């Protein structure tokens, strides 16, 4: 059967109609209910806080729904005022807890603002046949077990707790990983005021978020590199071969030889620049080159030396420099004698 409606509250019309149709004058014993011979639906009541509704709550209600054949399950949920006075603060408010239970598939009806301890008048008002709860004694101010009298009357059926699951455990996990949840909620747009933390704490946590993002990004990059390792190695080998070929073309034997000769010519040109022209009027000054004498078979003449005249004689001449002496090499004399 498809369930498409939420369970009604006890004060709603749908629940009142079903309750009015129940003949509570017919008492159903445990044996009758267990054997499936009850003349009407067996009305079973389970109660609790149901804060942070979890699978432990759902399993408890499933057991209560299936404790007998043909069960009509009524679930009582305590109000905030009563719960805070008995057990302390809850995470969810009473309306949130009511809605969570109403939408559980095993629930047929809920009772808002349920009492902490059930009495005879409450049982008769809601026409309850049995109370379903775990068998652990549940104490109160004036008693060690608030279900003791119903156990004595045979109107109590025990359910089993789900080990390792409770609202207290969930809250403990949240407290243990408090920083993680604060960072997550800040990243989702919550303000420091919403999370009841200081301005400095907010900035510190946001910085931690950035560091974690960088860390995760680096990890993803490394993972992607690992996946593309073969392609990267192949590309690296290709680039290496290309680099070596270009290097050999640039710095190979032939290219190095050309570079050496070009550099040598530049160095020689720098060390032996072409000769400067002589001053006009000198004995060796001519339109031809100093090396023209080689055409006559004679070695080049030495450059004449110049000296300045004294101050007395310089005034009688328009030129300051005159030939002081023409000094020829011994090779020229010997060469001239040989030709004569």
C-alpha atoms as a PDB file:
ATOM      1  CA  UNK A   1       0.000   0.000   0.000  1.00  0.00           C
ATOM      2  CA  UNK A   2       1.331   3.427  -0.931  1.00  0.00           C
ATOM      3  CA  UNK A   3       1.436   5.932   1.932  1.00  0.00           C
ATOM      4  CA  UNK A   4       0.722   9.419   0.610  1.00  0.00           C
ATOM      5  CA  UNK A   5      -0.468  11.267   3.721  1.00  0.00           C
ATOM      6  CA  UNK A   6       1.137  12.297   6.980  1.00  0.00           C
ATOM      7  CA  UNK A   7      -0.180  10.934  10.250  1.00  0.00           C
ATOM      8  CA  UNK A   8      -2.882  13.159  11.770  1.00  0.00           C
ATOM      9  CA  UNK A   9      -2.652  14.739  15.196  1.00  0.00           C
ATOM     10  CA  UNK A  10      -4.939  13.428  17.924  1.00  0.00           C
ATOM     11  CA  UNK A  11      -7.018  16.617  17.843  1.00  0.00           C
ATOM     12  CA  UNK A  12      -7.612  16.476  14.089  1.00  0.00           C
ATOM     13  CA  UNK A  13     -10.845  15.168  12.585  1.00  0.00           C
ATOM     14  CA  UNK A  14      -9.333  12.111  10.906  1.00  0.00           C
ATOM     15  CA  UNK A  15      -7.909  10.851  14.204  1.00  0.00           C
ATOM     16  CA  UNK A  16     -11.132  11.602  16.112  1.00  0.00           C
ATOM     17  CA  UNK A  17     -13.214   9.593  13.638  1.00  0.00           C
ATOM     18  CA  UNK A  18     -11.002   6.529  14.041  1.00  0.00           C
ATOM     19  CA  UNK A  19     -11.019   6.921  17.817  1.00  0.00           C
ATOM     20  CA  UNK A  20     -14.813   7.182  17.953  1.00  0.00           C
ATOM     21  CA  UNK A  21     -15.140   3.980  15.919  1.00  0.00           C
ATOM     22  CA  UNK A  22     -13.052   2.065  18.446  1.00  0.00           C
ATOM     23  CA  UNK A  23     -15.072   0.063  21.026  1.00  0.00           C
ATOM     24  CA  UNK A  24     -12.834   0.518  24.039  1.00  0.00           C
ATOM     25  CA  UNK A  25     -15.218  -1.482  26.197  1.00  0.00           C
ATOM     26  CA  UNK A  26     -13.747  -4.586  24.613  1.00  0.00           C
ATOM     27  CA  UNK A  27     -10.518  -5.126  26.506  1.00  0.00           C
ATOM     28  CA  UNK A  28      -7.770  -6.830  24.578  1.00  0.00           C
ATOM     29  CA  UNK A  29      -5.351  -9.000  26.494  1.00  0.00           C
ATOM     30  CA  UNK A  30      -1.742  -9.646  25.560  1.00  0.00           C
ATOM     31  CA  UNK A  31      -2.592 -13.223  24.495  1.00  0.00           C
ATOM     32  CA  UNK A  32      -5.446 -12.065  22.262  1.00  0.00           C
ATOM     33  CA  UNK A  33      -3.288  -9.428  20.618  1.00  0.00           C
ATOM     34  CA  UNK A  34      -0.364 -11.809  20.206  1.00  0.00           C
ATOM     35  CA  UNK A  35      -2.474 -14.520  18.592  1.00  0.00           C
ATOM     36  CA  UNK A  36      -4.147 -12.083  16.195  1.00  0.00           C
ATOM     37  CA  UNK A  37      -7.637 -12.874  17.531  1.00  0.00           C
ATOM     38  CA  UNK A  38      -8.435  -9.335  18.690  1.00  0.00           C
ATOM     39  CA  UNK A  39     -11.889  -8.172  17.470  1.00  0.00           C
ATOM     40  CA  UNK A  40     -10.547  -4.716  16.515  1.00  0.00           C
ATOM     41  CA  UNK A  41      -7.272  -2.912  15.855  1.00  0.00           C
ATOM     42  CA  UNK A  42      -4.850  -3.018  18.764  1.00  0.00           C
ATOM     43  CA  UNK A  43      -4.074   0.568  19.820  1.00  0.00           C
ATOM     44  CA  UNK A  44      -0.421   0.769  20.864  1.00  0.00           C
ATOM     45  CA  UNK A  45       1.120   3.917  22.342  1.00  0.00           C
ATOM     46  CA  UNK A  46       4.817   4.876  22.159  1.00  0.00           C
ATOM     47  CA  UNK A  47       6.254   8.123  23.460  1.00  0.00           C
ATOM     48  CA  UNK A  48       9.517  10.011  23.435  1.00  0.00           C
ATOM     49  CA  UNK A  49      11.344  13.242  22.653  1.00  0.00           C
ATOM     50  CA  UNK A  50      12.411  12.291  19.123  1.00  0.00           C
ATOM     51  CA  UNK A  51      15.012  15.044  18.841  1.00  0.00           C
ATOM     52  CA  UNK A  52      17.096  14.809  15.653  1.00  0.00           C
ATOM     53  CA  UNK A  53      14.880  11.976  14.441  1.00  0.00           C
ATOM     54  CA  UNK A  54      17.193   9.134  13.387  1.00  0.00           C
ATOM     55  CA  UNK A  55      17.123   5.444  12.494  1.00  0.00           C
ATOM     56  CA  UNK A  56      17.054   4.429  16.156  1.00  0.00           C
ATOM     57  CA  UNK A  57      13.724   6.219  16.562  1.00  0.00           C
ATOM     58  CA  UNK A  58      12.411   4.741  13.321  1.00  0.00           C
ATOM     59  CA  UNK A  59      13.365   1.214  14.363  1.00  0.00           C
ATOM     60  CA  UNK A  60      11.653   1.652  17.730  1.00  0.00           C
ATOM     61  CA  UNK A  61       8.442   2.743  16.005  1.00  0.00           C
ATOM     62  CA  UNK A  62       8.739  -0.095  13.500  1.00  0.00           C
ATOM     63  CA  UNK A  63       8.939  -2.601  16.362  1.00  0.00           C
ATOM     64  CA  UNK A  64       5.925  -1.021  18.054  1.00  0.00           C
ATOM     65  CA  UNK A  65       3.961  -1.143  14.802  1.00  0.00           C
ATOM     66  CA  UNK A  66       4.757  -4.831  14.306  1.00  0.00           C
ATOM     67  CA  UNK A  67       4.577  -6.034  17.901  1.00  0.00           C
ATOM     68  CA  UNK A  68       1.072  -7.442  17.202  1.00  0.00           C
ATOM     69  CA  UNK A  69      -0.932  -8.076  14.080  1.00  0.00           C
ATOM     70  CA  UNK A  70      -3.256  -5.199  13.097  1.00  0.00           C
ATOM     71  CA  UNK A  71      -1.707  -2.413  15.226  1.00  0.00           C
ATOM     72  CA  UNK A  72      -2.863   1.202  15.229  1.00  0.00           C
ATOM     73  CA  UNK A  73       0.223   3.102  16.417  1.00  0.00           C
ATOM     74  CA  UNK A  74      -0.174   6.294  18.433  1.00  0.00           C
ATOM     75  CA  UNK A  75       3.024   8.262  19.182  1.00  0.00           C
ATOM     76  CA  UNK A  76       3.267  10.889  21.904  1.00  0.00           C
ATOM     77  CA  UNK A  77       5.855  13.695  21.561  1.00  0.00           C
ATOM     78  CA  UNK A  78       6.697  15.873  24.574  1.00  0.00           C
ATOM     79  CA  UNK A  79       6.689  19.669  24.325  1.00  0.00           C
ATOM     80  CA  UNK A  80       9.738  21.917  24.638  1.00  0.00           C
ATOM     81  CA  UNK A  81       8.742  23.211  28.058  1.00  0.00           C
ATOM     82  CA  UNK A  82       8.386  19.729  29.564  1.00  0.00           C
ATOM     83  CA  UNK A  83      11.479  18.343  27.832  1.00  0.00           C
ATOM     84  CA  UNK A  84      13.743  21.221  28.865  1.00  0.00           C
ATOM     85  CA  UNK A  85      12.653  20.861  32.469  1.00  0.00           C
ATOM     86  CA  UNK A  86      13.246  17.085  32.513  1.00  0.00           C
ATOM     87  CA  UNK A  87      16.147  16.428  30.147  1.00  0.00           C
ATOM     88  CA  UNK A  88      17.575  19.752  29.049  1.00  0.00           C
ATOM     89  CA  UNK A  89      17.758  21.688  25.819  1.00  0.00           C
ATOM     90  CA  UNK A  90      16.901  20.062  22.497  1.00  0.00           C
ATOM     91  CA  UNK A  91      18.382  20.764  19.078  1.00  0.00           C
ATOM     92  CA  UNK A  92      14.997  20.817  17.330  1.00  0.00           C
ATOM     93  CA  UNK A  93      11.988  22.687  18.645  1.00  0.00           C
ATOM     94  CA  UNK A  94       8.699  20.940  19.365  1.00  0.00           C
ATOM     95  CA  UNK A  95       7.080  21.733  16.010  1.00  0.00           C
ATOM     96  CA  UNK A  96      10.059  20.311  14.137  1.00  0.00           C
ATOM     97  CA  UNK A  97       9.920  17.176  16.261  1.00  0.00           C
ATOM     98  CA  UNK A  98       6.173  16.808  15.709  1.00  0.00           C
ATOM     99  CA  UNK A  99       6.629  17.045  11.940  1.00  0.00           C
ATOM    100  CA  UNK A 100       9.493  14.536  11.931  1.00  0.00           C
ATOM    101  CA  UNK A 101       7.356  11.904  13.674  1.00  0.00           C
ATOM    102  CA  UNK A 102       4.227  12.625  11.616  1.00  0.00           C
ATOM    103  CA  UNK A 103       6.094  11.703   8.443  1.00  0.00           C
ATOM    104  CA  UNK A 104       7.357   8.360   9.683  1.00  0.00           C
ATOM    105  CA  UNK A 105       5.646   5.589   7.715  1.00  0.00           C
ATOM    106  CA  UNK A 106       4.893   3.461  10.790  1.00  0.00           C
ATOM    107  CA  UNK A 107       2.936   6.172  12.640  1.00  0.00           C
ATOM    108  CA  UNK A 108      -0.876   6.324  12.438  1.00  0.00           C
ATOM    109  CA  UNK A 109      -1.469   9.220  14.843  1.00  0.00           C
ATOM    110  CA  UNK A 110       0.571  11.597  16.998  1.00  0.00           C
ATOM    111  CA  UNK A 111      -0.188  13.244  20.322  1.00  0.00           C
ATOM    112  CA  UNK A 112       1.248  16.727  20.743  1.00  0.00           C
ATOM    113  CA  UNK A 113       2.426  17.867  24.178  1.00  0.00           C
ATOM    114  CA  UNK A 114       2.403  14.323  25.516  1.00  0.00           C
ATOM    115  CA  UNK A 115       2.755  13.836  29.296  1.00  0.00           C
ATOM    116  CA  UNK A 116       6.017  12.662  30.846  1.00  0.00           C
ATOM    117  CA  UNK A 117       4.189   9.954  32.782  1.00  0.00           C
ATOM    118  CA  UNK A 118       1.024   8.316  31.444  1.00  0.00           C
ATOM    119  CA  UNK A 119      -1.968   8.015  33.789  1.00  0.00           C
ATOM    120  CA  UNK A 120      -5.345   6.268  33.610  1.00  0.00           C
ATOM    121  CA  UNK A 121      -7.215   9.275  32.229  1.00  0.00           C
ATOM    122  CA  UNK A 122      -4.772   9.646  29.366  1.00  0.00           C
ATOM    123  CA  UNK A 123      -5.069   5.947  28.537  1.00  0.00           C
ATOM    124  CA  UNK A 124      -8.863   6.134  28.427  1.00  0.00           C
ATOM    125  CA  UNK A 125      -8.955   9.390  26.461  1.00  0.00           C
ATOM    126  CA  UNK A 126      -6.871   7.928  23.636  1.00  0.00           C
ATOM    127  CA  UNK A 127      -8.247   4.367  24.096  1.00  0.00           C
ATOM    128  CA  UNK A 128      -4.776   2.849  24.463  1.00  0.00           C
ATOM    129  CA  UNK A 129      -4.435  -0.921  24.836  1.00  0.00           C
ATOM    130  CA  UNK A 130      -0.655  -1.247  25.269  1.00  0.00           C
ATOM    131  CA  UNK A 131       2.399   0.931  25.834  1.00  0.00           C
ATOM    132  CA  UNK A 132       5.531   0.131  23.821  1.00  0.00           C
ATOM    133  CA  UNK A 133       8.942   1.176  25.120  1.00  0.00           C
ATOM    134  CA  UNK A 134      12.331  -0.346  25.829  1.00  0.00           C
ATOM    135  CA  UNK A 135      12.477  -2.434  29.001  1.00  0.00           C
ATOM    136  CA  UNK A 136      15.116  -0.315  30.768  1.00  0.00           C
ATOM    137  CA  UNK A 137      13.654   1.288  33.939  1.00  0.00           C
ATOM    138  CA  UNK A 138      12.906   4.945  33.271  1.00  0.00           C
ATOM    139  CA  UNK A 139      12.975   6.967  36.468  1.00  0.00           C
ATOM    140  CA  UNK A 140      11.202  10.162  37.450  1.00  0.00           C
ATOM    141  CA  UNK A 141      11.016  12.386  40.528  1.00  0.00           C
ATOM    142  CA  UNK A 142       8.802  10.077  42.584  1.00  0.00           C
ATOM    143  CA  UNK A 143       9.433   6.685  40.974  1.00  0.00           C
ATOM    144  CA  UNK A 144      12.221   4.503  39.697  1.00  0.00           C
ATOM    145  CA  UNK A 145      10.247   3.379  36.655  1.00  0.00           C
ATOM    146  CA  UNK A 146       7.355   5.334  35.201  1.00  0.00           C
ATOM    147  CA  UNK A 147       6.186   2.237  33.279  1.00  0.00           C
ATOM    148  CA  UNK A 148       6.189  -0.093  36.292  1.00  0.00           C
ATOM    149  CA  UNK A 149       2.417  -0.083  36.884  1.00  0.00           C
ATOM    150  CA  UNK A 150       1.650  -0.802  33.239  1.00  0.00           C
ATOM    151  CA  UNK A 151       4.093  -3.675  33.288  1.00  0.00           C
ATOM    152  CA  UNK A 152       2.262  -5.024  36.312  1.00  0.00           C
ATOM    153  CA  UNK A 153      -1.087  -4.788  34.499  1.00  0.00           C
ATOM    154  CA  UNK A 154       0.214  -6.608  31.440  1.00  0.00           C
ATOM    155  CA  UNK A 155      -0.258  -3.546  29.263  1.00  0.00           C
ATOM    156  CA  UNK A 156       3.416  -3.056  28.430  1.00  0.00           C
ATOM    157  CA  UNK A 157       5.358  -4.464  25.463  1.00  0.00           C
ATOM    158  CA  UNK A 158       9.121  -4.109  25.260  1.00  0.00           C
ATOM    159  CA  UNK A 159      11.032  -2.849  22.257  1.00  0.00           C
ATOM    160  CA  UNK A 160      14.795  -3.001  21.746  1.00  0.00           C
ATOM    161  CA  UNK A 161      17.183  -0.099  21.442  1.00  0.00           C
ATOM    162  CA  UNK A 162      19.410   0.248  18.401  1.00  0.00           C
ATOM    163  CA  UNK A 163      22.959  -0.041  19.687  1.00  0.00           C
ATOM    164  CA  UNK A 164      25.351   2.762  18.841  1.00  0.00           C
ATOM    165  CA  UNK A 165      22.643   5.166  17.724  1.00  0.00           C
ATOM    166  CA  UNK A 166      21.197   7.923  19.881  1.00  0.00           C
ATOM    167  CA  UNK A 167      20.605  11.651  19.818  1.00  0.00           C
ATOM    168  CA  UNK A 168      23.349  12.117  22.416  1.00  0.00           C
ATOM    169  CA  UNK A 169      25.837  10.300  20.165  1.00  0.00           C
ATOM    170  CA  UNK A 170      24.930  12.518  17.221  1.00  0.00           C
ATOM    171  CA  UNK A 171      25.370  15.674  19.310  1.00  0.00           C
ATOM    172  CA  UNK A 172      28.711  14.345  20.581  1.00  0.00           C
ATOM    173  CA  UNK A 173      29.884  13.834  16.989  1.00  0.00           C
ATOM    174  CA  UNK A 174      28.878  17.379  16.083  1.00  0.00           C
ATOM    175  CA  UNK A 175      30.756  18.786  19.075  1.00  0.00           C
ATOM    176  CA  UNK A 176      33.819  16.661  18.275  1.00  0.00           C
ATOM    177  CA  UNK A 177      33.927  17.919  14.679  1.00  0.00           C
ATOM    178  CA  UNK A 178      32.781  21.416  15.578  1.00  0.00           C
ATOM    179  CA  UNK A 179      35.500  23.222  13.568  1.00  0.00           C
ATOM    180  CA  UNK A 180      34.712  21.238  10.433  1.00  0.00           C
ATOM    181  CA  UNK A 181      31.011  22.106  10.556  1.00  0.00           C
ATOM    182  CA  UNK A 182      31.736  25.767  11.315  1.00  0.00           C
ATOM    183  CA  UNK A 183      34.079  25.984   8.306  1.00  0.00           C
ATOM    184  CA  UNK A 184      31.480  24.278   6.128  1.00  0.00           C
ATOM    185  CA  UNK A 185      28.677  26.620   7.175  1.00  0.00           C
ATOM    186  CA  UNK A 186      30.836  29.731   6.761  1.00  0.00           C
ATOM    187  CA  UNK A 187      31.669  28.560   3.247  1.00  0.00           C
ATOM    188  CA  UNK A 188      27.930  28.150   2.588  1.00  0.00           C
ATOM    189  CA  UNK A 189      27.176  31.765   3.478  1.00  0.00           C
ATOM    190  CA  UNK A 190      26.449  31.736   7.211  1.00  0.00           C
ATOM    191  CA  UNK A 191      27.745  34.724   9.164  1.00  0.00           C
ATOM    192  CA  UNK A 192      29.751  34.730  12.377  1.00  0.00           C
ATOM    193  CA  UNK A 193      26.634  35.963  14.183  1.00  0.00           C
ATOM    194  CA  UNK A 194      24.577  33.046  12.867  1.00  0.00           C
ATOM    195  CA  UNK A 195      27.162  30.602  14.208  1.00  0.00           C
ATOM    196  CA  UNK A 196      27.745  32.519  17.462  1.00  0.00           C
ATOM    197  CA  UNK A 197      31.497  32.917  16.912  1.00  0.00           C
ATOM    198  CA  UNK A 198      33.763  35.964  17.196  1.00  0.00           C
ATOM    199  CA  UNK A 199      35.070  38.070  14.309  1.00  0.00           C
ATOM    200  CA  UNK A 200      38.627  36.785  14.797  1.00  0.00           C
ATOM    201  CA  UNK A 201      37.431  33.187  14.866  1.00  0.00           C
ATOM    202  CA  UNK A 202      35.565  33.758  11.630  1.00  0.00           C
ATOM    203  CA  UNK A 203      38.672  35.135   9.880  1.00  0.00           C
ATOM    204  CA  UNK A 204      40.816  32.314  11.234  1.00  0.00           C
ATOM    205  CA  UNK A 205      38.373  29.683   9.998  1.00  0.00           C
ATOM    206  CA  UNK A 206      38.054  31.316   6.582  1.00  0.00           C
ATOM    207  CA  UNK A 207      41.854  31.235   6.249  1.00  0.00           C
ATOM    208  CA  UNK A 208      41.830  27.557   7.177  1.00  0.00           C
ATOM    209  CA  UNK A 209      39.193  26.988   4.495  1.00  0.00           C
ATOM    210  CA  UNK A 210      41.456  28.595   1.896  1.00  0.00           C
ATOM    211  CA  UNK A 211      44.376  26.416   2.963  1.00  0.00           C
ATOM    212  CA  UNK A 212      42.241  23.283   2.724  1.00  0.00           C
ATOM    213  CA  UNK A 213      41.031  24.331  -0.729  1.00  0.00           C
ATOM    214  CA  UNK A 214      44.624  24.801  -1.906  1.00  0.00           C
ATOM    215  CA  UNK A 215      45.578  21.442  -0.439  1.00  0.00           C
ATOM    216  CA  UNK A 216      42.680  19.705  -2.183  1.00  0.00           C
ATOM    217  CA  UNK A 217      43.474  21.472  -5.442  1.00  0.00           C
ATOM    218  CA  UNK A 218      47.088  20.343  -5.260  1.00  0.00           C
ATOM    219  CA  UNK A 219      45.981  16.795  -4.589  1.00  0.00           C
ATOM    220  CA  UNK A 220      43.660  16.861  -7.591  1.00  0.00           C
ATOM    221  CA  UNK A 221      46.464  18.204  -9.774  1.00  0.00           C
ATOM    222  CA  UNK A 222      48.796  15.432  -8.637  1.00  0.00           C
ATOM    223  CA  UNK A 223      46.099  12.840  -9.305  1.00  0.00           C
ATOM    224  CA  UNK A 224      45.509  14.223 -12.792  1.00  0.00           C
ATOM    225  CA  UNK A 225      49.260  14.160 -13.441  1.00  0.00           C
ATOM    226  CA  UNK A 226      49.339  10.525 -12.437  1.00  0.00           C
ATOM    227  CA  UNK A 227      46.580   9.742 -14.907  1.00  0.00           C
ATOM    228  CA  UNK A 228      48.408  11.532 -17.743  1.00  0.00           C
ATOM    229  CA  UNK A 229      51.857  10.248 -16.846  1.00  0.00           C
ATOM    230  CA  UNK A 230      52.384   8.233 -20.044  1.00  0.00           C
ATOM    231  CA  UNK A 231      51.365  11.138 -22.274  1.00  0.00           C
ATOM    232  CA  UNK A 232      53.651  13.507 -20.406  1.00  0.00           C
ATOM    233  CA  UNK A 233      56.613  11.128 -20.693  1.00  0.00           C
ATOM    234  CA  UNK A 234      56.053  10.762 -24.444  1.00  0.00           C
ATOM    235  CA  UNK A 235      55.834  14.529 -24.903  1.00  0.00           C
ATOM    236  CA  UNK A 236      58.948  15.022 -22.781  1.00  0.00           C
ATOM    237  CA  UNK A 237      60.922  12.556 -24.906  1.00  0.00           C
ATOM    238  CA  UNK A 238      59.759  14.287 -28.086  1.00  0.00           C
ATOM    239  CA  UNK A 239      60.763  17.712 -26.782  1.00  0.00           C
ATOM    240  CA  UNK A 240      64.111  16.331 -25.609  1.00  0.00           C
ATOM    241  CA  UNK A 241      64.922  14.963 -29.067  1.00  0.00           C
ATOM    242  CA  UNK A 242      63.919  18.263 -30.662  1.00  0.00           C
ATOM    243  CA  UNK A 243      66.110  20.206 -28.232  1.00  0.00           C
ATOM    244  CA  UNK A 244      69.129  17.974 -28.899  1.00  0.00           C
ATOM    245  CA  UNK A 245      68.725  18.320 -32.681  1.00  0.00           C
ATOM    246  CA  UNK A 246      68.499  22.107 -32.441  1.00  0.00           C
ATOM    247  CA  UNK A 247      71.521  22.176 -30.159  1.00  0.00           C
ATOM    248  CA  UNK A 248      73.590  20.128 -32.605  1.00  0.00           C
ATOM    249  CA  UNK A 249      72.531  22.348 -35.501  1.00  0.00           C
ATOM    250  CA  UNK A 250      73.598  25.424 -33.563  1.00  0.00           C
ATOM    251  CA  UNK A 251      76.730  24.113 -31.840  1.00  0.00           C
ATOM    252  CA  UNK A 252      77.808  21.225 -34.104  1.00  0.00           C
ATOM    253  CA  UNK A 253      81.350  20.766 -35.478  1.00  0.00           C
ATOM    254  CA  UNK A 254      80.804  22.705 -38.715  1.00  0.00           C
ATOM    255  CA  UNK A 255      78.921  25.484 -37.023  1.00  0.00           C
ATOM    256  CA  UNK A 256      81.573  25.825 -34.310  1.00  0.00           C
ATOM    257  CA  UNK A 257      84.300  26.004 -36.992  1.00  0.00           C
ATOM    258  CA  UNK A 258      82.470  28.815 -38.768  1.00  0.00           C
ATOM    259  CA  UNK A 259      81.966  30.665 -35.509  1.00  0.00           C
ATOM    260  CA  UNK A 260      85.694  30.270 -34.723  1.00  0.00           C
ATOM    261  CA  UNK A 261      86.842  31.668 -38.089  1.00  0.00           C
ATOM    262  CA  UNK A 262      84.420  34.571 -37.921  1.00  0.00           C
ATOM    263  CA  UNK A 263      85.551  35.426 -34.402  1.00  0.00           C
ATOM    264  CA  UNK A 264      89.245  35.144 -35.400  1.00  0.00           C
ATOM    265  CA  UNK A 265      88.778  37.538 -38.308  1.00  0.00           C
ATOM    266  CA  UNK A 266      87.019  40.046 -36.079  1.00  0.00           C
ATOM    267  CA  UNK A 267      89.823  39.840 -33.490  1.00  0.00           C
ATOM    268  CA  UNK A 268      92.544  40.296 -36.138  1.00  0.00           C
ATOM    269  CA  UNK A 269      90.702  43.264 -37.611  1.00  0.00           C
ATOM    270  CA  UNK A 270      90.440  44.822 -34.184  1.00  0.00           C
ATOM    271  CA  UNK A 271      94.160  44.296 -33.423  1.00  0.00           C
ATOM    272  CA  UNK A 272      95.461  45.449 -36.890  1.00  0.00           C
ATOM    273  CA  UNK A 273      93.364  48.397 -38.092  1.00  0.00           C
ATOM    274  CA  UNK A 274      94.224  49.973 -41.523  1.00  0.00           C
ATOM    275  CA  UNK A 275      97.011  52.632 -41.483  1.00  0.00           C
ATOM    276  CA  UNK A 276      96.158  56.335 -41.162  1.00  0.00           C
ATOM    277  CA  UNK A 277      97.120  58.703 -44.058  1.00  0.00           C
ATOM    278  CA  UNK A 278     100.328  60.841 -43.602  1.00  0.00           C
ATOM    279  CA  UNK A 279     100.304  64.579 -43.253  1.00  0.00           C
ATOM    280  CA  UNK A 280     100.232  66.498 -46.525  1.00  0.00           C
ATOM    281  CA  UNK A 281     103.676  67.603 -47.748  1.00  0.00           C
ATOM    282  CA  UNK A 282     105.602  64.709 -46.273  1.00  0.00           C
ATOM    283  CA  UNK A 283     108.172  63.048 -48.485  1.00  0.00           C
ATOM    284  CA  UNK A 284     106.360  59.759 -48.487  1.00  0.00           C
ATOM    285  CA  UNK A 285     102.888  61.151 -48.891  1.00  0.00           C
ATOM    286  CA  UNK A 286     101.393  60.165 -52.226  1.00  0.00           C
ATOM    287  CA  UNK A 287      98.175  59.146 -53.796  1.00  0.00           C
ATOM    288  CA  UNK A 288      99.312  55.571 -53.788  1.00  0.00           C
ATOM    289  CA  UNK A 289      99.635  53.095 -50.947  1.00  0.00           C
ATOM    290  CA  UNK A 290     102.769  52.675 -48.827  1.00  0.00           C
ATOM    291  CA  UNK A 291     102.962  49.186 -50.196  1.00  0.00           C
ATOM    292  CA  UNK A 292     103.419  50.326 -53.799  1.00  0.00           C
ATOM    293  CA  UNK A 293     107.177  50.083 -53.318  1.00  0.00           C
ATOM    294  CA  UNK A 294     106.818  46.343 -53.360  1.00  0.00           C
ATOM    295  CA  UNK A 295     106.037  46.626 -57.019  1.00  0.00           C
ATOM    296  CA  UNK A 296     109.638  47.896 -57.506  1.00  0.00           C
ATOM    297  CA  UNK A 297     111.051  45.087 -55.470  1.00  0.00           C
ATOM    298  CA  UNK A 298     112.005  47.279 -52.530  1.00  0.00           C
ATOM    299  CA  UNK A 299     110.848  46.993 -48.935  1.00  0.00           C
ATOM    300  CA  UNK A 300     108.730  49.805 -47.552  1.00  0.00           C
ATOM    301  CA  UNK A 301     110.507  52.817 -46.190  1.00  0.00           C
ATOM    302  CA  UNK A 302     110.338  53.770 -42.571  1.00  0.00           C
ATOM    303  CA  UNK A 303     108.150  56.654 -41.651  1.00  0.00           C
ATOM    304  CA  UNK A 304     110.147  59.883 -41.234  1.00  0.00           C
ATOM    305  CA  UNK A 305     110.402  61.385 -37.793  1.00  0.00           C
ATOM    306  CA  UNK A 306     109.293  64.897 -37.095  1.00  0.00           C
ATOM    307  CA  UNK A 307     110.507  67.417 -34.568  1.00  0.00           C
ATOM    308  CA  UNK A 308     109.372  70.944 -33.866  1.00  0.00           C
ATOM    309  CA  UNK A 309     111.644  73.876 -34.542  1.00  0.00           C
ATOM    310  CA  UNK A 310     112.678  76.277 -31.884  1.00  0.00           C
ATOM    311  CA  UNK A 311     110.531  79.234 -31.086  1.00  0.00           C
ATOM    312  CA  UNK A 312     112.938  81.609 -32.843  1.00  0.00           C
ATOM    313  CA  UNK A 313     112.829  79.895 -36.183  1.00  0.00           C
ATOM    314  CA  UNK A 314     109.150  79.060 -36.014  1.00  0.00           C
ATOM    315  CA  UNK A 315     108.201  82.663 -36.611  1.00  0.00           C
ATOM    316  CA  UNK A 316     109.955  82.677 -39.994  1.00  0.00           C
ATOM    317  CA  UNK A 317     107.999  79.786 -41.327  1.00  0.00           C
ATOM    318  CA  UNK A 318     104.357  79.180 -41.919  1.00  0.00           C
ATOM    319  CA  UNK A 319     104.632  75.588 -40.823  1.00  0.00           C
ATOM    320  CA  UNK A 320     105.592  74.501 -37.297  1.00  0.00           C
ATOM    321  CA  UNK A 321     106.755  71.017 -38.233  1.00  0.00           C
ATOM    322  CA  UNK A 322     109.683  70.308 -40.603  1.00  0.00           C
ATOM    323  CA  UNK A 323     111.581  67.214 -41.461  1.00  0.00           C
ATOM    324  CA  UNK A 324     114.333  66.738 -38.983  1.00  0.00           C
ATOM    325  CA  UNK A 325     115.969  63.652 -40.450  1.00  0.00           C
ATOM    326  CA  UNK A 326     115.190  61.007 -42.896  1.00  0.00           C
ATOM    327  CA  UNK A 327     116.288  57.771 -41.355  1.00  0.00           C
ATOM    328  CA  UNK A 328     116.372  54.778 -43.635  1.00  0.00           C
ATOM    329  CA  UNK A 329     116.979  51.272 -42.615  1.00  0.00           C
ATOM    330  CA  UNK A 330     120.124  49.349 -43.301  1.00  0.00           C
ATOM    331  CA  UNK A 331     118.097  46.950 -45.374  1.00  0.00           C
ATOM    332  CA  UNK A 332     117.321  49.736 -47.836  1.00  0.00           C
ATOM    333  CA  UNK A 333     120.994  50.601 -48.261  1.00  0.00           C
ATOM    334  CA  UNK A 334     121.968  47.035 -48.845  1.00  0.00           C
ATOM    335  CA  UNK A 335     119.067  46.537 -51.178  1.00  0.00           C
ATOM    336  CA  UNK A 336     119.994  49.656 -53.175  1.00  0.00           C
ATOM    337  CA  UNK A 337     123.629  48.566 -53.448  1.00  0.00           C
ATOM    338  CA  UNK A 338     122.621  45.194 -54.708  1.00  0.00           C
ATOM    339  CA  UNK A 339     120.449  46.675 -57.450  1.00  0.00           C
ATOM    340  CA  UNK A 340     123.229  49.020 -58.568  1.00  0.00           C
END
